[in-house]
Amino acid sequence: MVALISANVKRNSEREVARMETRLVTLERAAEELQVSRDTLRRLAASGQLKIVRISRHVLVPTSEIARIAESGAGKYAGRKAAKASV
């Protein structure tokens, strides 16, 4: 019983860490990171290749999606490295 509880706690804490690491950035910032246009990202979102979050009129992109597209790629963006984040 204790092992089952500790396994559930570990799984839940891993999910929480993943949730905390995910940030939302504007579509403009995501396009800048991937070195593509905003229209390209809108097309990717419309085709289901990019997950976005809409809050009112604002279109936001999770940073995890930027990393996923930069690493694995979506179509012709495969292998393209994201620009370094400015501090």
N, C-alpha and C. Protein backbone atom coordinates (compact mmCIF):
# COMPACT_ATOMS: atom_id res chain seq x y z
N MET A 1 0.82 -1.20 0.00
CA MET A 1 0.00 0.00 0.00
C MET A 1 0.87 1.27 0.00
N VAL A 2 1.91 1.25 0.83
CA VAL A 2 2.80 2.41 0.91
C VAL A 2 3.51 2.63 -0.42
N ALA A 3 3.93 1.53 -1.06
CA ALA A 3 4.62 1.65 -2.35
C ALA A 3 3.69 2.25 -3.40
N LEU A 4 2.43 1.87 -3.38
CA LEU A 4 1.46 2.41 -4.33
C LEU A 4 1.26 3.90 -4.11
N ILE A 5 1.17 4.32 -2.87
CA ILE A 5 0.99 5.74 -2.56
C ILE A 5 2.22 6.53 -2.99
N SER A 6 3.42 6.01 -2.70
CA SER A 6 4.63 6.75 -3.07
C SER A 6 4.78 6.83 -4.59
N ALA A 7 4.34 5.80 -5.31
CA ALA A 7 4.39 5.84 -6.78
C ALA A 7 3.45 6.91 -7.31
N ASN A 8 2.26 7.02 -6.73
CA ASN A 8 1.31 8.05 -7.15
C ASN A 8 1.83 9.46 -6.84
N VAL A 9 2.45 9.61 -5.67
CA VAL A 9 3.01 10.92 -5.29
C VAL A 9 4.11 11.30 -6.26
N LYS A 10 4.98 10.34 -6.61
CA LYS A 10 6.06 10.62 -7.55
C LYS A 10 5.52 11.02 -8.90
N ARG A 11 4.51 10.29 -9.42
CA ARG A 11 3.91 10.61 -10.71
C ARG A 11 3.28 12.00 -10.69
N ASN A 12 2.57 12.30 -9.61
CA ASN A 12 1.92 13.62 -9.51
C ASN A 12 2.95 14.73 -9.43
N SER A 13 4.05 14.52 -8.71
CA SER A 13 5.06 15.57 -8.61
C SER A 13 5.77 15.77 -9.95
N GLU A 14 5.97 14.70 -10.72
CA GLU A 14 6.56 14.85 -12.05
C GLU A 14 5.65 15.66 -12.96
N ARG A 15 4.35 15.41 -12.88
CA ARG A 15 3.39 16.19 -13.68
C ARG A 15 3.42 17.66 -13.26
N GLU A 16 3.50 17.90 -11.97
CA GLU A 16 3.52 19.27 -11.47
C GLU A 16 4.77 20.01 -11.95
N VAL A 17 5.91 19.34 -11.93
CA VAL A 17 7.14 19.96 -12.41
C VAL A 17 7.01 20.28 -13.89
N ALA A 18 6.47 19.35 -14.68
CA ALA A 18 6.29 19.60 -16.11
C ALA A 18 5.34 20.77 -16.33
N ARG A 19 4.30 20.86 -15.53
CA ARG A 19 3.34 21.95 -15.66
C ARG A 19 3.99 23.28 -15.31
N MET A 20 4.84 23.29 -14.29
CA MET A 20 5.50 24.53 -13.88
C MET A 20 6.53 24.97 -14.91
N GLU A 21 7.15 24.04 -15.62
CA GLU A 21 8.16 24.39 -16.60
C GLU A 21 7.56 24.98 -17.88
N THR A 22 6.29 24.72 -18.12
CA THR A 22 5.64 25.21 -19.33
C THR A 22 5.23 26.66 -19.14
N ARG A 23 5.72 27.49 -20.03
CA ARG A 23 5.35 28.90 -20.05
C ARG A 23 4.62 29.16 -21.35
N LEU A 24 3.87 30.22 -21.37
CA LEU A 24 3.19 30.65 -22.59
C LEU A 24 3.86 31.91 -23.10
N VAL A 25 4.13 31.94 -24.40
CA VAL A 25 4.70 33.13 -25.03
C VAL A 25 3.79 33.55 -26.16
N THR A 26 3.95 34.78 -26.59
CA THR A 26 3.11 35.29 -27.67
C THR A 26 3.47 34.61 -28.99
N LEU A 27 2.57 34.69 -29.92
CA LEU A 27 2.80 34.13 -31.25
C LEU A 27 4.01 34.81 -31.90
N GLU A 28 4.15 36.10 -31.67
CA GLU A 28 5.28 36.83 -32.23
C GLU A 28 6.60 36.31 -31.68
N ARG A 29 6.65 36.07 -30.37
CA ARG A 29 7.87 35.55 -29.73
C ARG A 29 8.19 34.15 -30.24
N ALA A 30 7.17 33.31 -30.39
CA ALA A 30 7.38 31.96 -30.90
C ALA A 30 7.91 31.99 -32.32
N ALA A 31 7.36 32.88 -33.14
CA ALA A 31 7.83 33.00 -34.52
C ALA A 31 9.28 33.46 -34.56
N GLU A 32 9.63 34.36 -33.68
CA GLU A 32 11.01 34.84 -33.59
C GLU A 32 11.95 33.70 -33.17
N GLU A 33 11.54 32.90 -32.20
CA GLU A 33 12.37 31.79 -31.72
C GLU A 33 12.60 30.76 -32.83
N LEU A 34 11.54 30.47 -33.60
CA LEU A 34 11.64 29.46 -34.66
C LEU A 34 12.12 30.04 -35.98
N GLN A 35 12.25 31.35 -36.05
CA GLN A 35 12.69 32.05 -37.26
C GLN A 35 11.74 31.78 -38.43
N VAL A 36 10.45 31.91 -38.15
CA VAL A 36 9.41 31.78 -39.17
C VAL A 36 8.45 32.94 -38.98
N SER A 37 7.51 33.09 -39.88
CA SER A 37 6.53 34.18 -39.76
C SER A 37 5.38 33.77 -38.85
N ARG A 38 4.65 34.77 -38.39
CA ARG A 38 3.46 34.50 -37.57
C ARG A 38 2.42 33.74 -38.39
N ASP A 39 2.31 34.08 -39.67
CA ASP A 39 1.35 33.39 -40.54
C ASP A 39 1.67 31.90 -40.65
N THR A 40 2.94 31.57 -40.68
CA THR A 40 3.34 30.16 -40.74
C THR A 40 2.86 29.44 -39.49
N LEU A 41 3.04 30.06 -38.32
CA LEU A 41 2.59 29.44 -37.08
C LEU A 41 1.07 29.34 -37.04
N ARG A 42 0.40 30.33 -37.58
CA ARG A 42 -1.07 30.26 -37.64
C ARG A 42 -1.53 29.09 -38.51
N ARG A 43 -0.83 28.88 -39.64
CA ARG A 43 -1.17 27.75 -40.52
C ARG A 43 -0.90 26.42 -39.82
N LEU A 44 0.23 26.33 -39.10
CA LEU A 44 0.53 25.11 -38.37
C LEU A 44 -0.53 24.84 -37.30
N ALA A 45 -0.99 25.89 -36.64
CA ALA A 45 -2.03 25.73 -35.62
C ALA A 45 -3.35 25.29 -36.26
N ALA A 46 -3.67 25.87 -37.40
CA ALA A 46 -4.92 25.52 -38.09
C ALA A 46 -4.91 24.07 -38.56
N SER A 47 -3.73 23.58 -38.94
CA SER A 47 -3.63 22.19 -39.42
C SER A 47 -3.47 21.20 -38.28
N GLY A 48 -3.34 21.70 -37.04
CA GLY A 48 -3.21 20.81 -35.88
C GLY A 48 -1.78 20.40 -35.57
N GLN A 49 -0.80 20.97 -36.25
CA GLN A 49 0.59 20.63 -36.00
C GLN A 49 1.20 21.43 -34.86
N LEU A 50 0.51 22.47 -34.41
CA LEU A 50 1.00 23.31 -33.33
C LEU A 50 -0.15 23.55 -32.36
N LYS A 51 0.10 23.27 -31.09
CA LYS A 51 -0.91 23.53 -30.06
C LYS A 51 -0.78 24.96 -29.60
N ILE A 52 -1.90 25.64 -29.50
CA ILE A 52 -1.91 27.03 -29.05
C ILE A 52 -2.94 27.18 -27.94
N VAL A 53 -2.85 28.30 -27.24
CA VAL A 53 -3.81 28.65 -26.19
C VAL A 53 -4.37 30.01 -26.55
N ARG A 54 -5.67 30.09 -26.62
CA ARG A 54 -6.32 31.38 -26.91
C ARG A 54 -6.91 31.94 -25.63
N ILE A 55 -6.52 33.15 -25.32
CA ILE A 55 -7.09 33.86 -24.18
C ILE A 55 -7.59 35.18 -24.72
N SER A 56 -8.90 35.27 -24.82
CA SER A 56 -9.53 36.42 -25.44
C SER A 56 -9.03 36.55 -26.88
N ARG A 57 -8.42 37.66 -27.22
CA ARG A 57 -7.89 37.85 -28.58
C ARG A 57 -6.46 37.37 -28.72
N HIS A 58 -5.84 37.04 -27.62
CA HIS A 58 -4.42 36.70 -27.62
C HIS A 58 -4.20 35.23 -27.96
N VAL A 59 -3.23 35.00 -28.83
CA VAL A 59 -2.83 33.65 -29.20
C VAL A 59 -1.47 33.40 -28.55
N LEU A 60 -1.42 32.40 -27.68
CA LEU A 60 -0.20 32.09 -26.96
C LEU A 60 0.27 30.68 -27.32
N VAL A 61 1.58 30.49 -27.29
CA VAL A 61 2.17 29.21 -27.65
C VAL A 61 2.96 28.70 -26.44
N PRO A 62 2.71 27.46 -26.01
CA PRO A 62 3.52 26.90 -24.93
C PRO A 62 4.98 26.73 -25.38
N THR A 63 5.90 27.02 -24.48
CA THR A 63 7.31 26.88 -24.82
C THR A 63 7.66 25.43 -25.15
N SER A 64 6.92 24.50 -24.59
CA SER A 64 7.15 23.09 -24.90
C SER A 64 6.87 22.80 -26.37
N GLU A 65 5.90 23.51 -26.95
CA GLU A 65 5.60 23.34 -28.38
C GLU A 65 6.71 23.93 -29.24
N ILE A 66 7.29 25.03 -28.81
CA ILE A 66 8.40 25.63 -29.55
C ILE A 66 9.57 24.65 -29.57
N ALA A 67 9.87 24.08 -28.41
CA ALA A 67 10.97 23.12 -28.32
C ALA A 67 10.69 21.89 -29.17
N ARG A 68 9.45 21.42 -29.15
CA ARG A 68 9.09 20.22 -29.91
C ARG A 68 9.27 20.46 -31.41
N ILE A 69 8.82 21.61 -31.89
CA ILE A 69 8.94 21.90 -33.31
C ILE A 69 10.40 22.11 -33.68
N ALA A 70 11.15 22.77 -32.81
CA ALA A 70 12.56 23.02 -33.10
C ALA A 70 13.37 21.73 -33.13
N GLU A 71 13.04 20.78 -32.24
CA GLU A 71 13.79 19.53 -32.16
C GLU A 71 13.35 18.51 -33.20
N SER A 72 12.08 18.16 -33.15
CA SER A 72 11.60 17.10 -34.05
C SER A 72 11.14 17.67 -35.38
N GLY A 73 10.66 18.88 -35.34
CA GLY A 73 10.26 19.54 -36.57
C GLY A 73 8.83 19.22 -36.98
N ALA A 74 8.30 20.11 -37.72
CA ALA A 74 6.99 19.93 -38.34
C ALA A 74 7.19 20.30 -39.79
N GLY A 75 7.22 19.30 -40.64
CA GLY A 75 7.44 19.56 -42.06
C GLY A 75 8.84 20.06 -42.33
N LYS A 76 8.95 21.19 -42.98
CA LYS A 76 10.25 21.70 -43.40
C LYS A 76 11.05 22.31 -42.25
N TYR A 77 10.50 22.37 -41.03
CA TYR A 77 11.18 22.98 -39.89
C TYR A 77 12.00 21.96 -39.12
N ALA A 78 12.06 20.73 -39.60
CA ALA A 78 12.79 19.67 -38.91
C ALA A 78 14.26 20.04 -38.79
N GLY A 79 14.77 19.89 -37.59
CA GLY A 79 16.18 20.13 -37.37
C GLY A 79 16.56 21.59 -37.17
N ARG A 80 15.63 22.50 -37.32
CA ARG A 80 15.93 23.92 -37.15
C ARG A 80 16.07 24.21 -35.66
N LYS A 81 17.10 24.89 -35.28
CA LYS A 81 17.33 25.20 -33.88
C LYS A 81 16.62 26.49 -33.53
N ALA A 82 16.06 26.53 -32.32
CA ALA A 82 15.43 27.75 -31.84
C ALA A 82 16.51 28.77 -31.51
N ALA A 83 16.19 30.02 -31.73
CA ALA A 83 17.14 31.09 -31.41
C ALA A 83 17.36 31.13 -29.90
N LYS A 84 18.54 31.54 -29.48
CA LYS A 84 18.83 31.61 -28.05
C LYS A 84 17.97 32.70 -27.42
N ALA A 85 17.47 32.39 -26.24
CA ALA A 85 16.61 33.35 -25.53
C ALA A 85 17.45 34.51 -25.04
N SER A 86 16.96 35.70 -25.26
CA SER A 86 17.68 36.88 -24.78
C SER A 86 17.31 37.14 -23.33
N VAL A 87 18.24 37.62 -22.58
CA VAL A 87 18.02 37.83 -21.14
C VAL A 87 17.75 39.27 -20.86
